[in-house]
Protein backbone atom coordinates (compact mmCIF):
# COMPACT_ATOMS: atom_id res chain seq x y z
CA GLN A 1 14.44 -3.49 -14.15
CA GLU A 2 11.12 -3.47 -12.36
CA GLN A 3 11.01 -1.34 -9.22
CA LEU A 4 8.47 -0.18 -6.66
CA VAL A 5 9.23 2.78 -4.40
CA GLU A 6 7.02 3.72 -1.45
CA SER A 7 6.76 7.21 0.03
CA GLY A 8 4.57 9.22 2.38
CA GLY A 9 5.06 7.30 5.59
CA GLY A 10 6.07 8.70 8.94
CA LEU A 11 4.47 9.64 12.23
CA ALA A 12 0.77 10.26 12.64
CA GLN A 13 -1.31 10.94 15.73
CA PRO A 14 -4.16 8.61 16.69
CA GLY A 15 -7.16 9.57 14.64
CA GLY A 16 -4.95 11.23 12.06
CA SER A 17 -4.33 10.51 8.39
CA LEU A 18 -1.50 9.63 6.06
CA ARG A 19 -1.36 8.97 2.34
CA LEU A 20 1.14 6.44 1.07
CA SER A 21 2.31 6.43 -2.52
CA CYS A 22 3.95 3.68 -4.53
CA THR A 23 5.58 4.58 -7.82
CA ALA A 24 6.39 1.79 -10.24
CA SER A 25 9.05 1.82 -12.93
CA GLY A 26 10.44 -0.65 -15.42
CA PHE A 27 7.18 -2.51 -16.01
CA THR A 28 6.23 -3.00 -19.65
CA GLY A 29 2.76 -1.54 -20.03
CA GLY A 30 2.96 0.36 -16.74
CA ILE A 31 0.76 -0.37 -13.75
CA SER A 32 -2.33 -0.60 -15.93
CA VAL A 33 -1.49 -4.27 -16.48
CA LEU A 34 -0.70 -4.94 -12.83
CA THR A 35 -2.71 -5.87 -9.79
CA MET A 36 -1.42 -3.54 -7.08
CA SER A 37 -1.69 -4.12 -3.36
CA TRP A 38 -0.59 -2.75 -0.03
CA TYR A 39 0.59 -5.04 2.75
CA ARG A 40 1.83 -4.27 6.22
CA GLN A 41 3.95 -6.02 8.80
CA ALA A 42 3.99 -5.09 12.45
CA PRO A 43 6.85 -6.20 14.73
CA GLY A 44 6.58 -9.89 15.54
CA LEU A 45 3.65 -10.45 13.22
CA LYS A 46 3.23 -11.86 9.71
CA ARG A 47 2.86 -9.63 6.71
CA GLU A 48 -0.82 -9.08 6.00
CA LEU A 49 -2.78 -7.80 3.06
CA VAL A 50 -4.36 -4.39 3.63
CA ALA A 51 -5.90 -3.49 0.28
CA LYS A 52 -5.79 -4.59 -3.32
CA HIS A 53 -6.61 -2.83 -6.58
CA THR A 54 -6.92 -5.18 -9.52
CA LYS A 55 -5.84 -4.41 -13.06
CA PHE A 56 -9.53 -4.52 -13.96
CA GLY A 57 -10.18 -1.52 -11.73
CA HIS A 58 -11.68 -3.27 -8.73
CA ALA A 59 -10.62 -1.95 -5.35
CA VAL A 60 -10.82 -4.33 -2.44
CA ASN A 61 -10.16 -3.57 1.19
CA TYR A 62 -9.86 -6.16 3.88
CA PRO A 63 -11.69 -4.55 6.79
CA LEU A 64 -10.96 -7.33 9.25
CA SER A 65 -7.32 -6.27 9.25
CA VAL A 66 -7.90 -2.56 8.88
CA GLN A 67 -9.35 -0.60 11.76
CA GLY A 68 -9.59 2.80 10.14
CA PRO A 69 -11.19 3.74 6.83
CA PHE A 70 -8.53 3.11 4.20
CA THR A 71 -8.88 3.68 0.45
CA ILE A 72 -6.66 2.31 -2.30
CA SER A 73 -6.55 4.07 -5.65
CA ARG A 74 -4.33 4.25 -8.67
CA ASP A 75 -3.12 6.76 -11.27
CA ASN A 76 -2.14 4.70 -14.28
CA ALA A 77 -0.83 7.72 -16.17
CA ASN A 78 1.75 8.32 -13.43
CA ASN A 79 2.30 4.65 -12.57
CA THR A 80 1.40 5.35 -8.97
CA VAL A 81 -0.88 3.63 -6.49
CA TYR A 82 -2.04 5.27 -3.29
CA LEU A 83 -3.26 4.20 0.12
CA GLN A 84 -5.23 6.87 1.93
CA MET A 85 -5.33 6.01 5.62
CA ASN A 86 -7.76 7.86 7.87
CA LYS A 87 -8.61 7.58 11.56
CA LEU A 88 -5.35 5.80 12.23
CA ASN A 89 -5.07 3.63 15.31
CA PRO A 90 -1.79 2.88 17.16
CA GLU A 91 -2.28 -0.83 16.39
CA GLU A 92 -1.78 0.05 12.74
CA THR A 93 1.85 0.94 13.32
CA ALA A 94 3.81 -1.19 10.87
CA VAL A 95 6.05 -1.24 7.85
CA TYR A 96 3.84 -0.88 4.80
CA PHE A 97 4.83 -2.58 1.56
CA CYS A 98 3.72 -2.04 -2.00
CA ASN A 99 3.17 -5.17 -4.09
CA ALA A 100 2.64 -5.71 -7.80
CA ILE A 101 1.54 -8.88 -9.53
CA LYS A 102 2.21 -9.40 -13.22
CA ASP A 103 1.38 -12.78 -14.69
CA ASP A 104 2.80 -15.18 -12.10
CA SER A 105 5.44 -12.87 -10.69
CA ASN A 106 5.34 -10.88 -7.45
CA TYR A 107 7.26 -7.65 -6.99
CA TRP A 108 7.83 -5.83 -3.71
CA GLY A 109 8.92 -2.42 -2.59
CA LYS A 110 11.36 -2.06 0.28
CA GLY A 111 8.64 -0.87 2.63
CA ILE A 112 7.99 2.33 4.53
CA GLN A 113 7.46 2.86 8.25
CA VAL A 114 4.14 4.17 9.53
CA THR A 115 4.01 4.97 13.23
CA VAL A 116 0.79 6.00 14.95
CA SER A 117 1.50 7.52 18.33
CA SER A 118 0.70 10.54 20.45
């Protein structure tokens, strides 16, 4: 059964950094055949796309929704995708979700809390 598990969240100070990880399992072919993305959802707001890394190796950030310099990357050998978040801002406090797209199907992790506060 396909599964995505996020880790690495928690509390960060304004201006600080966190690295989120998402490990996939159960996908035939591993994440190399998947487009992987990170989304986030703050309280009272809709879930929004933060960054996407296509199966062709193209990394795309969406700077209008991201205030700090974020970088998405993947390690196909370990079936893991990362989101490096630097210069975090309190407005980026949210639950962050890992997403995988294979063919026409969407898969989601359960999400992980990121809180930016002093």
